[in-house]
Amino acid sequence: MKKTLLIVGAGLAGLSAAWTAAEQGQQVILVSAQPSERAQSVMAEGGINAALDTKGEGDTPEQHEADTLRAACGLADPQAVHGLTQAAPELVRWLDRIGVQFNRTESDEIDVRAFGGQKKKRTAFAQSDTGKQLVTAMVDAVRRWESEQRIVRLDHHTFETLLLDGNACGGCVVRDDYTGEQMPIQADAVIMACGGMHGLFGDTTGSLANTGEAVAELFRLGLPLANAEMIQYHPTTAKRGGRRLLISEAARGEGGRLYALRDGKPWYFMEERYPELGNLMPRDITAREIWRVRQQTPVYLDMTELDSAVFEQKLSGLRDDCLTYLGLDPKEQPIPVEPGIHYFMGGLQVDAQHRTRMHNVYAAGECCAQYHGANRLGGNSLLGAIYGGRIAAQTAMAEADGSTCSCSVCPAGEKTSVQEQKILHETLAQALGVVRTEQTMKQALHTVQSLSGNLALLGQAVLLSALERKESRGAQFRADYPETKEEYGVAAITRYTQGEIAVTWGELT
């Protein structure tokens, strides 16, 4: 029986889910506030991980799995990570077949580079614009099904709320951003692929379109969050206006070096403290080290010793960004860097098949917590989005019964005003930094509780999750609880029921 899947979000997770369902003959409605070409996925630079072993290092999916779980610090779902890393090589080869212009080796194999937290080179890349290449190829792949009306796009439409009958979903309400009209759309299953919670902070490397409003509405409706406190600070960003420019990990993967001046001479502190991986330690560790050094002196990323061919063939996009937005040429001068919010490991709680706690609702990509635990490896986000979208669609197709339930349209939650959003951004940024304390987080919670709307509610959930995890693990480092504690080696599950937010502990599944 033909089923209708409604997918919210048209980045890589949404495109992957749409292609998977349409390829199996199902009907897809693809809802997004902006076209795919403006999704946050386009902004990804460094690459996508897969144990292709084109460098002859003996890399395997099992080693990829071990690195991913090690970085996750016990908070990722091992079953899900196993599926992700086993599928990665063929998934990347499929992307190659549909037209992604990956960099090649001299023997015409897909080239791979070193990335943080991984002992083997396994990050396939397309210069420093991998996200653009992946989205372009995926857009072309789904156009065939759009031409046959198996995929119907609703660009410039914003998710408002779900259509519900108890704990069962039968579609959602979307708003036409041009006319303001609200449209209830029935579907056999809803897949949320709406991106991370960047709207809680504003000053991140992410897209301004990733408001977090959809996740906030689902949280208000009772869907729990997992690991909401796990917010990844990318070690190397640069300020540009009110935003953050990402200086891709690819720069360090190709030989860029972090340093600060000590006694007037360059001090390569990462290489001194971590001789095995040096500048390519996992992001949580590198971000904290830069943060500590920056309490005394600026930190720089030096790429001036890289060969010109590296910039031309592998880092041209990164160099263009530095020239355009910073007025600096990384070939000629070091780039001042500091940690900046980049990715949300936490999000909607899903199991290994990408089910949420609500019947007929699934989630994939950065909006859900699944593969990354307490710290994401660079190169695993693009992989997790494409693989997760595929799994979510397969599960939805298998479980949808072919008929929508008798659902009602309920009012969506209140929006947080622009003025209150500014207070929210400043408050959360101060409290949920690279290093956190109970005092600052409690003060922030008091402020956020005085605000109204869905985003303020979501902000409270993130703060409470961070407060309740009285330890340091991965992206959460607490100066007042610097040790990692065995009893917290499980996910923080945050729920909103009957007007109260509660944090409990358990497995992702």
Protein backbone atom coordinates (compact mmCIF):
# COMPACT_ATOMS: atom_id res chain seq x y z
CA MET A 1 0.00 0.00 0.00
CA LYS A 2 1.32 3.43 -0.94
CA LYS A 3 2.06 5.62 2.06
CA THR A 4 2.65 9.33 2.49
CA LEU A 5 5.71 10.50 4.41
CA LEU A 6 5.89 14.12 5.46
CA ILE A 7 9.49 15.25 5.97
CA VAL A 8 10.28 18.49 7.78
CA GLY A 9 13.65 19.82 6.64
CA ALA A 10 15.38 19.63 3.25
CA GLY A 11 19.03 19.40 4.24
CA LEU A 12 20.97 16.18 3.85
CA ALA A 13 18.93 14.20 6.39
CA GLY A 14 15.65 15.28 4.79
CA LEU A 15 16.90 14.73 1.23
CA SER A 16 18.18 11.28 2.14
CA ALA A 17 14.87 10.31 3.73
CA ALA A 18 12.94 11.69 0.75
CA TRP A 19 15.07 9.85 -1.82
CA THR A 20 14.84 6.58 0.13
CA ALA A 21 11.05 6.69 0.39
CA ALA A 22 10.45 7.83 -3.18
CA GLU A 23 12.83 5.22 -4.56
CA GLN A 24 10.63 2.61 -2.86
CA GLY A 25 7.51 3.99 -4.51
CA GLN A 26 6.13 5.98 -1.58
CA GLN A 27 4.69 9.50 -1.67
CA VAL A 28 6.79 12.24 -0.04
CA ILE A 29 5.92 15.78 0.99
CA LEU A 30 9.14 17.71 1.66
CA VAL A 31 8.57 20.79 3.82
CA SER A 32 11.27 23.38 4.41
CA ALA A 33 11.55 27.06 5.27
CA GLN A 34 14.21 27.45 2.58
CA PRO A 35 15.33 25.48 -0.49
CA SER A 36 17.86 22.70 0.00
CA GLU A 37 20.58 24.87 -1.49
CA ARG A 38 20.34 27.11 1.59
CA ALA A 39 20.22 24.34 4.19
CA GLN A 40 22.87 24.26 6.90
CA SER A 41 24.26 21.08 5.33
CA VAL A 42 25.75 23.28 2.60
CA MET A 43 27.99 24.92 5.21
CA ALA A 44 29.80 21.70 6.16
CA GLU A 45 33.39 21.89 4.97
CA GLY A 46 35.75 19.17 6.10
CA GLY A 47 34.39 15.86 4.84
CA ILE A 48 32.46 12.67 5.51
CA ASN A 49 33.89 9.66 7.35
CA ALA A 50 34.11 6.12 5.98
CA ALA A 51 36.71 3.38 6.38
CA LEU A 52 37.59 3.29 2.68
CA ASP A 53 41.26 2.57 3.43
CA THR A 54 42.43 4.21 0.21
CA LYS A 55 45.68 5.18 1.98
CA GLY A 56 46.54 1.56 2.73
CA GLU A 57 46.60 2.06 6.50
CA GLY A 58 44.49 -1.03 7.25
CA ASP A 59 41.47 1.01 8.29
CA THR A 60 38.22 -0.87 8.97
CA PRO A 61 34.62 -0.04 9.93
CA GLU A 62 35.34 -1.63 13.31
CA GLN A 63 38.11 0.92 13.95
CA HIS A 64 35.76 3.71 12.85
CA GLU A 65 33.17 2.36 15.28
CA ALA A 66 35.70 2.23 18.12
CA ASP A 67 36.86 5.82 17.50
CA THR A 68 33.25 7.06 17.39
CA LEU A 69 32.29 5.33 20.64
CA ARG A 70 35.48 6.47 22.36
CA ALA A 71 34.78 10.10 21.48
CA ALA A 72 31.14 9.72 22.58
CA CYS A 73 32.30 8.91 26.12
CA GLY A 74 29.71 6.19 26.67
CA LEU A 75 26.64 8.20 25.63
CA ALA A 76 26.10 6.98 22.04
CA ASP A 77 23.98 3.95 21.16
CA PRO A 78 26.49 1.16 20.28
CA GLN A 79 23.95 -0.63 18.08
CA ALA A 80 23.30 2.52 16.08
CA VAL A 81 27.00 3.39 15.78
CA HIS A 82 27.73 -0.12 14.53
CA GLY A 83 25.14 0.26 11.78
CA LEU A 84 26.45 3.71 10.87
CA THR A 85 30.09 2.73 10.53
CA GLN A 86 29.41 -0.55 8.74
CA ALA A 87 27.27 1.24 6.15
CA ALA A 88 29.66 4.17 5.67
CA PRO A 89 31.99 2.82 2.94
CA GLU A 90 29.19 1.82 0.57
CA LEU A 91 27.26 5.00 1.35
CA VAL A 92 30.24 7.16 0.34
CA ARG A 93 30.75 5.08 -2.81
CA TRP A 94 27.07 5.61 -3.64
CA LEU A 95 27.55 9.37 -3.21
CA ASP A 96 30.51 9.12 -5.58
CA ARG A 97 28.33 7.33 -8.13
CA ILE A 98 25.58 9.96 -8.03
CA GLY A 99 28.06 12.71 -8.80
CA VAL A 100 29.80 14.04 -5.69
CA GLN A 101 33.13 15.43 -6.87
CA PHE A 102 35.36 13.94 -4.19
CA ASN A 103 39.08 14.66 -4.29
CA ARG A 104 40.93 11.72 -5.86
CA THR A 105 44.25 10.03 -5.27
CA GLU A 106 46.79 9.55 -8.06
CA SER A 107 45.29 6.09 -8.63
CA ASP A 108 41.82 7.70 -9.00
CA GLU A 109 40.45 6.44 -5.70
CA ILE A 110 38.51 8.63 -3.28
CA ASP A 111 41.07 10.60 -1.28
CA VAL A 112 40.82 10.72 2.53
CA ARG A 113 42.38 13.08 5.06
CA ALA A 114 43.16 13.02 8.77
CA PHE A 115 40.54 14.39 11.16
CA GLY A 116 40.44 14.90 14.91
CA GLY A 117 40.09 11.92 17.26
CA GLN A 118 40.88 9.36 14.56
CA LYS A 119 44.15 7.47 14.18
CA LYS A 120 43.51 6.59 10.53
CA LYS A 121 42.81 8.81 7.55
CA ARG A 122 39.14 8.17 6.75
CA THR A 123 37.54 11.53 5.97
CA ALA A 124 36.55 11.73 2.29
CA PHE A 125 36.34 15.31 1.06
CA ALA A 126 35.63 17.63 -1.83
CA GLN A 127 38.20 20.40 -1.31
CA SER A 128 36.87 22.31 1.74
CA ASP A 129 33.31 22.48 0.36
CA THR A 130 32.11 18.94 0.97
CA GLY A 131 28.67 20.00 2.16
CA LYS A 132 27.97 21.93 -1.04
CA GLN A 133 28.99 18.96 -3.15
CA LEU A 134 26.84 16.51 -1.19
CA VAL A 135 23.75 18.73 -1.25
CA THR A 136 24.16 19.42 -4.97
CA ALA A 137 24.34 15.70 -5.77
CA MET A 138 21.44 14.84 -3.47
CA VAL A 139 19.26 17.59 -4.95
CA ASP A 140 19.91 16.17 -8.40
CA ALA A 141 19.11 12.66 -7.15
CA VAL A 142 15.68 13.65 -5.81
CA ARG A 143 14.74 15.73 -8.86
CA ARG A 144 13.89 12.57 -10.77
CA TRP A 145 11.23 11.75 -8.20
CA GLU A 146 10.05 15.36 -8.11
CA SER A 147 9.50 15.21 -11.86
CA GLU A 148 7.30 12.15 -11.33
CA GLN A 149 5.48 13.84 -8.40
CA ARG A 150 6.62 11.20 -5.93
CA ILE A 151 8.26 14.05 -4.06
CA VAL A 152 6.28 17.27 -3.68
CA ARG A 153 8.27 20.18 -2.32
CA LEU A 154 6.82 22.86 -0.10
CA ASP A 155 9.68 25.37 0.09
CA HIS A 156 9.07 28.52 2.15
CA HIS A 157 6.79 26.65 4.52
CA THR A 158 7.48 26.50 8.25
CA PHE A 159 6.54 23.73 10.66
CA GLU A 160 4.03 24.87 13.27
CA THR A 161 2.85 21.79 15.18
CA LEU A 162 1.78 18.16 14.87
CA LEU A 163 -1.65 16.75 14.13
CA LEU A 164 -2.32 14.47 17.09
CA ASP A 165 -4.73 11.87 18.35
CA GLY A 166 -3.44 11.03 21.81
CA ASN A 167 0.11 9.75 21.35
CA ALA A 168 -0.36 9.10 17.63
CA CYS A 169 0.57 11.55 14.90
CA GLY A 170 -1.26 11.89 11.60
CA GLY A 171 0.59 14.78 10.01
CA CYS A 172 1.43 18.36 10.88
CA VAL A 173 0.44 21.98 10.45
CA VAL A 174 2.70 24.17 8.32
CA ARG A 175 2.61 27.89 7.60
CA ASP A 176 3.08 29.40 4.15
CA ASP A 177 5.81 31.98 4.77
CA TYR A 178 4.58 34.12 1.86
CA THR A 179 0.87 34.28 2.67
CA GLY A 180 0.83 33.41 6.37
CA GLU A 181 -1.79 30.71 5.69
CA GLN A 182 -1.73 27.72 8.04
CA MET A 183 -2.19 24.36 6.34
CA PRO A 184 -2.93 21.04 8.09
CA ILE A 185 -1.33 18.21 6.08
CA GLN A 186 -2.22 14.59 6.77
CA ALA A 187 0.46 11.91 6.44
CA ASP A 188 1.08 8.34 7.50
CA ALA A 189 4.37 9.31 9.13
CA VAL A 190 6.32 12.48 9.95
CA ILE A 191 10.13 12.58 9.81
CA MET A 192 11.73 15.55 11.55
CA ALA A 193 15.00 16.58 9.88
CA CYS A 194 14.91 20.16 11.06
CA GLY A 195 18.48 20.72 12.25
CA GLY A 196 20.03 21.67 15.57
CA MET A 197 19.07 24.17 18.26
CA HIS A 198 21.20 27.08 17.00
CA GLY A 199 18.38 29.54 17.67
CA LEU A 200 19.01 29.19 21.40
CA PHE A 201 22.34 30.99 21.03
CA GLY A 202 22.41 32.99 17.79
CA ASP A 203 26.20 33.38 17.79
CA THR A 204 27.14 30.00 16.30
CA THR A 205 28.72 28.66 13.11
CA GLY A 206 25.28 27.39 12.05
CA SER A 207 22.58 28.78 9.82
CA LEU A 208 20.27 31.51 11.12
CA ALA A 209 17.45 29.43 9.63
CA ASN A 210 18.10 26.69 12.21
CA THR A 211 15.94 28.38 14.81
CA GLY A 212 15.26 25.34 17.01
CA GLU A 213 11.56 26.25 17.01
CA ALA A 214 10.46 22.86 15.64
CA VAL A 215 12.36 20.92 18.31
CA ALA A 216 11.00 23.31 20.95
CA GLU A 217 7.43 22.65 19.82
CA LEU A 218 7.91 18.89 19.89
CA PHE A 219 9.42 19.15 23.37
CA ARG A 220 6.37 21.14 24.48
CA LEU A 221 4.17 18.38 23.08
CA GLY A 222 5.91 15.82 25.27
CA LEU A 223 8.70 14.35 23.15
CA PRO A 224 11.77 13.91 25.36
CA LEU A 225 15.25 15.19 24.66
CA ALA A 226 18.43 13.19 25.22
CA ASN A 227 21.88 14.60 26.09
CA ALA A 228 20.61 18.15 25.59
CA GLU A 229 23.59 19.53 27.52
CA MET A 230 26.09 18.16 25.00
CA ILE A 231 26.89 21.19 22.83
CA GLN A 232 29.99 21.00 20.67
CA TYR A 233 32.33 23.95 20.58
CA HIS A 234 34.42 23.80 17.43
CA PRO A 235 37.99 24.60 18.50
CA THR A 236 38.76 27.00 15.65
CA THR A 237 36.30 29.73 14.75
CA ALA A 238 36.75 33.44 14.08
CA LYS A 239 34.39 36.29 14.88
CA ARG A 240 32.76 38.07 11.96
CA GLY A 241 30.08 40.51 12.99
CA GLY A 242 27.54 38.73 15.17
CA ARG A 243 28.36 35.33 13.71
CA ARG A 244 31.13 32.73 13.78
CA LEU A 245 33.26 31.82 10.78
CA LEU A 246 34.26 28.17 10.86
CA ILE A 247 37.94 27.48 10.26
CA SER A 248 37.54 23.88 9.20
CA GLU A 249 39.30 21.01 10.93
CA ALA A 250 40.54 20.24 7.43
CA ALA A 251 43.16 22.94 7.98
CA ARG A 252 44.68 20.94 10.86
CA GLY A 253 44.13 17.70 8.98
CA GLU A 254 46.37 19.03 6.23
CA GLY A 255 49.07 20.18 8.65
CA GLY A 256 47.90 23.48 10.21
CA ARG A 257 49.33 24.05 13.70
CA LEU A 258 47.85 25.73 16.77
CA TYR A 259 50.14 27.97 18.78
CA ALA A 260 50.33 30.85 21.22
CA LEU A 261 53.23 33.15 22.01
CA ARG A 262 55.22 32.32 25.15
CA ASP A 263 58.27 34.39 25.99
CA GLY A 264 57.98 35.87 22.52
CA LYS A 265 58.27 32.51 20.77
CA PRO A 266 55.60 30.21 19.23
CA TRP A 267 54.38 27.62 21.75
CA TYR A 268 52.75 24.64 20.02
CA PHE A 269 50.79 23.66 23.11
CA MET A 270 48.69 20.85 21.58
CA GLU A 271 51.77 19.10 20.22
CA GLU A 272 53.50 19.47 23.58
CA ARG A 273 50.60 18.16 25.65
CA TYR A 274 49.30 15.47 23.28
CA PRO A 275 52.26 14.15 21.29
CA GLU A 276 50.33 11.25 19.66
CA LEU A 277 47.56 13.24 17.93
CA GLY A 278 48.68 16.81 18.61
CA ASN A 279 46.45 19.31 16.80
CA LEU A 280 44.02 16.52 15.88
CA MET A 281 42.83 15.59 19.35
CA PRO A 282 39.01 15.26 19.69
CA ARG A 283 37.16 18.55 19.52
CA ASP A 284 36.13 18.71 23.17
CA ILE A 285 39.74 18.42 24.35
CA THR A 286 41.12 20.82 21.74
CA ALA A 287 38.43 23.41 22.49
CA ARG A 288 39.15 23.29 26.23
CA GLU A 289 42.90 23.61 25.67
CA ILE A 290 42.43 26.65 23.44
CA TRP A 291 40.00 28.14 25.97
CA ARG A 292 42.55 27.71 28.78
CA VAL A 293 45.42 29.22 26.83
CA ARG A 294 43.24 32.13 25.70
CA GLN A 295 42.70 33.14 29.33
CA GLN A 296 46.29 34.44 29.14
CA THR A 297 47.10 35.08 25.48
CA PRO A 298 45.59 34.83 21.96
CA VAL A 299 45.73 31.55 20.05
CA TYR A 300 46.53 31.27 16.34
CA LEU A 301 46.19 28.65 13.64
CA ASP A 302 49.27 28.66 11.44
CA MET A 303 48.87 27.38 7.87
CA THR A 304 51.71 29.38 6.36
CA GLU A 305 53.98 26.34 6.01
CA LEU A 306 51.46 24.39 3.91
CA ASP A 307 52.35 23.83 0.27
CA SER A 308 50.53 26.02 -2.26
CA ALA A 309 49.12 22.87 -3.87
CA VAL A 310 47.31 22.03 -0.61
CA PHE A 311 45.43 25.33 -0.76
CA GLU A 312 44.70 24.97 -4.46
CA GLN A 313 43.55 21.35 -4.37
CA LYS A 314 42.18 20.85 -0.85
CA LEU A 315 41.58 24.15 0.99
CA SER A 316 40.59 26.67 -1.66
CA GLY A 317 37.16 27.33 -0.14
CA LEU A 318 38.63 27.87 3.32
CA ARG A 319 41.18 30.32 1.98
CA ASP A 320 38.48 32.22 0.08
CA ASP A 321 36.40 32.50 3.28
CA CYS A 322 39.36 33.86 5.24
CA LEU A 323 40.11 36.41 2.52
CA THR A 324 36.47 37.45 2.12
CA TYR A 325 35.28 37.59 5.72
CA LEU A 326 38.46 38.16 7.75
CA GLY A 327 40.63 40.04 5.30
CA LEU A 328 43.45 37.59 6.05
CA ASP A 329 45.33 35.25 3.74
CA PRO A 330 46.11 31.98 5.59
CA LYS A 331 48.96 31.35 3.12
CA GLU A 332 50.68 34.46 4.42
CA GLN A 333 49.63 34.98 8.04
CA PRO A 334 48.28 32.99 11.00
CA ILE A 335 44.55 33.18 11.80
CA PRO A 336 43.43 34.15 15.33
CA VAL A 337 40.98 31.48 16.52
CA GLU A 338 38.73 30.69 19.47
CA PRO A 339 36.13 28.01 20.26
CA GLY A 340 32.59 28.63 19.01
CA ILE A 341 29.31 26.73 19.20
CA HIS A 342 29.13 24.46 16.18
CA TYR A 343 26.96 21.36 16.68
CA PHE A 344 24.34 19.91 19.02
CA MET A 345 24.98 16.27 19.91
CA GLY A 346 21.79 16.32 21.99
CA GLY A 347 18.27 16.55 20.63
CA LEU A 348 15.10 14.54 20.29
CA GLN A 349 15.44 11.08 21.81
CA VAL A 350 15.36 8.36 19.16
CA ASP A 351 16.27 4.68 19.11
CA ALA A 352 18.58 2.92 16.67
CA GLN A 353 15.76 2.87 14.08
CA HIS A 354 15.14 6.61 14.53
CA ARG A 355 11.78 6.25 16.24
CA THR A 356 10.77 8.93 18.73
CA ARG A 357 8.49 8.27 21.71
CA MET A 358 5.45 9.30 19.64
CA HIS A 359 3.76 6.90 17.23
CA ASN A 360 4.41 7.78 13.55
CA VAL A 361 7.05 10.44 14.40
CA TYR A 362 10.72 9.86 13.50
CA ALA A 363 13.78 12.11 13.53
CA ALA A 364 17.16 12.25 11.78
CA GLY A 365 20.15 14.55 11.53
CA GLU A 366 21.23 17.17 14.06
CA CYS A 367 17.76 17.53 15.58
CA CYS A 368 18.06 14.13 17.30
CA ALA A 369 20.52 12.48 19.69
CA GLN A 370 21.92 9.26 18.34
CA TYR A 371 25.45 8.65 17.05
CA HIS A 372 27.62 11.28 18.71
CA GLY A 373 27.05 10.98 22.46
CA ALA A 374 29.09 13.49 24.45
CA ASN A 375 31.40 14.49 21.58
CA ARG A 376 31.07 14.21 17.80
CA LEU A 377 33.98 13.28 15.59
CA GLY A 378 34.52 15.66 12.70
CA GLY A 379 33.28 13.98 9.52
CA ASN A 380 30.56 12.02 11.31
CA SER A 381 27.83 14.68 11.04
CA LEU A 382 27.37 14.42 7.26
CA LEU A 383 27.52 10.64 7.54
CA GLY A 384 25.00 10.59 10.39
CA ALA A 385 22.61 12.87 8.50
CA ILE A 386 22.54 10.85 5.28
CA TYR A 387 22.54 7.45 6.97
CA GLY A 388 20.04 8.57 9.62
CA GLY A 389 17.64 9.94 7.02
CA ARG A 390 17.80 6.63 5.17
CA ILE A 391 17.10 4.58 8.34
CA ALA A 392 14.27 6.88 9.46
CA ALA A 393 12.55 6.53 6.08
CA GLN A 394 12.96 2.75 6.03
CA THR A 395 11.49 2.47 9.53
CA ALA A 396 8.62 4.81 8.75
CA MET A 397 7.75 2.89 5.58
CA ALA A 398 7.79 -0.42 7.44
CA GLU A 399 5.65 0.77 10.35
CA ALA A 400 3.11 3.17 8.86
CA ASP A 401 -0.21 1.33 8.53
CA GLY A 402 -1.31 3.21 5.42
CA SER A 403 -4.08 5.21 7.02
CA THR A 404 -3.92 8.42 9.03
CA CYS A 405 -5.51 8.59 12.43
CA SER A 406 -8.37 10.91 13.31
CA CYS A 407 -6.28 13.85 14.39
CA SER A 408 -7.19 17.30 15.57
CA VAL A 409 -5.52 20.65 14.99
CA CYS A 410 -4.35 22.13 18.28
CA PRO A 411 -2.80 25.59 18.70
CA ALA A 412 0.96 25.66 18.47
CA GLY A 413 2.99 26.84 21.43
CA GLU A 414 3.79 30.47 21.99
CA LYS A 415 6.77 31.92 20.15
CA THR A 416 9.53 33.60 22.14
CA SER A 417 9.66 37.29 21.19
CA VAL A 418 12.66 38.78 19.42
CA GLN A 419 13.49 40.91 22.45
CA GLU A 420 13.38 37.91 24.77
CA GLN A 421 15.43 35.86 22.30
CA LYS A 422 18.28 38.35 22.68
CA ILE A 423 18.19 37.86 26.46
CA LEU A 424 18.05 34.10 25.93
CA HIS A 425 21.07 34.16 23.61
CA GLU A 426 23.21 36.18 26.01
CA THR A 427 22.16 34.21 29.08
CA LEU A 428 22.77 30.77 27.63
CA ALA A 429 26.07 31.77 26.03
CA GLN A 430 27.39 32.93 29.40
CA ALA A 431 26.21 29.83 31.28
CA LEU A 432 26.83 27.04 28.76
CA GLY A 433 30.35 27.80 27.64
CA VAL A 434 33.36 25.56 27.19
CA VAL A 435 33.69 25.50 31.00
CA ARG A 436 30.56 25.58 33.19
CA THR A 437 29.72 26.05 36.88
CA GLU A 438 26.62 25.44 38.94
CA GLN A 439 26.43 29.05 40.05
CA THR A 440 26.36 30.54 36.56
CA MET A 441 23.91 27.91 35.30
CA LYS A 442 21.52 28.45 38.21
CA GLN A 443 21.61 32.21 37.65
CA ALA A 444 20.89 31.63 33.97
CA LEU A 445 18.02 29.26 34.77
CA HIS A 446 16.42 31.91 36.97
CA THR A 447 16.62 34.41 34.09
CA VAL A 448 15.35 32.00 31.44
CA GLN A 449 12.41 30.94 33.64
CA SER A 450 11.25 34.56 33.55
CA LEU A 451 11.02 34.44 29.75
CA SER A 452 8.09 33.07 27.78
CA GLY A 453 7.60 30.92 24.68
CA ASN A 454 8.83 27.65 23.27
CA LEU A 455 12.50 28.60 22.88
CA ALA A 456 12.67 29.73 26.51
CA LEU A 457 11.18 26.37 27.52
CA LEU A 458 13.81 24.58 25.44
CA GLY A 459 16.53 26.72 26.99
CA GLN A 460 15.36 25.68 30.46
CA ALA A 461 15.57 22.02 29.41
CA VAL A 462 19.18 22.40 28.23
CA LEU A 463 20.20 24.20 31.41
CA LEU A 464 18.52 21.66 33.70
CA SER A 465 20.16 18.81 31.82
CA ALA A 466 23.57 20.43 32.27
CA LEU A 467 22.91 21.16 35.95
CA GLU A 468 21.82 17.60 36.71
CA ARG A 469 24.93 16.09 35.11
CA LYS A 470 27.25 16.73 38.03
CA GLU A 471 30.40 15.59 36.27
CA SER A 472 32.65 16.40 33.32
CA ARG A 473 32.25 14.24 30.22
CA GLY A 474 32.94 15.10 26.59
CA ALA A 475 31.51 18.49 25.68
CA GLN A 476 30.30 19.12 29.24
CA PHE A 477 33.17 20.34 31.41
CA ARG A 478 32.25 21.58 34.86
CA ALA A 479 34.86 23.39 36.90
CA ASP A 480 32.98 22.39 40.06
CA TYR A 481 32.79 18.69 39.05
CA PRO A 482 35.93 18.08 36.94
CA GLU A 483 35.89 14.27 37.27
CA THR A 484 34.01 11.79 35.09
CA LYS A 485 31.67 9.65 37.21
CA GLU A 486 30.55 6.15 36.37
CA GLU A 487 26.95 6.72 37.49
CA TYR A 488 26.52 9.36 34.77
CA GLY A 489 27.56 7.03 31.95
CA VAL A 490 24.01 7.09 30.58
CA ALA A 491 21.94 9.62 28.68
CA ALA A 492 20.21 12.53 30.41
CA ILE A 493 16.55 12.27 29.34
CA THR A 494 14.63 15.55 29.70
CA ARG A 495 10.81 15.56 29.57
CA TYR A 496 8.12 18.22 29.79
CA THR A 497 4.88 16.94 31.29
CA GLN A 498 2.05 18.75 33.05
CA GLY A 499 3.93 22.02 33.03
CA GLU A 500 7.10 20.64 34.63
CA ILE A 501 10.55 19.70 33.25
CA ALA A 502 12.17 16.61 34.72
CA VAL A 503 15.56 15.01 34.05
CA THR A 504 15.99 11.26 34.41
CA TRP A 505 18.78 8.88 33.38
CA GLY A 506 18.71 5.97 30.97
CA GLU A 507 19.80 4.51 27.65
CA LEU A 508 19.04 6.27 24.37
CA THR A 509 16.86 3.34 23.34
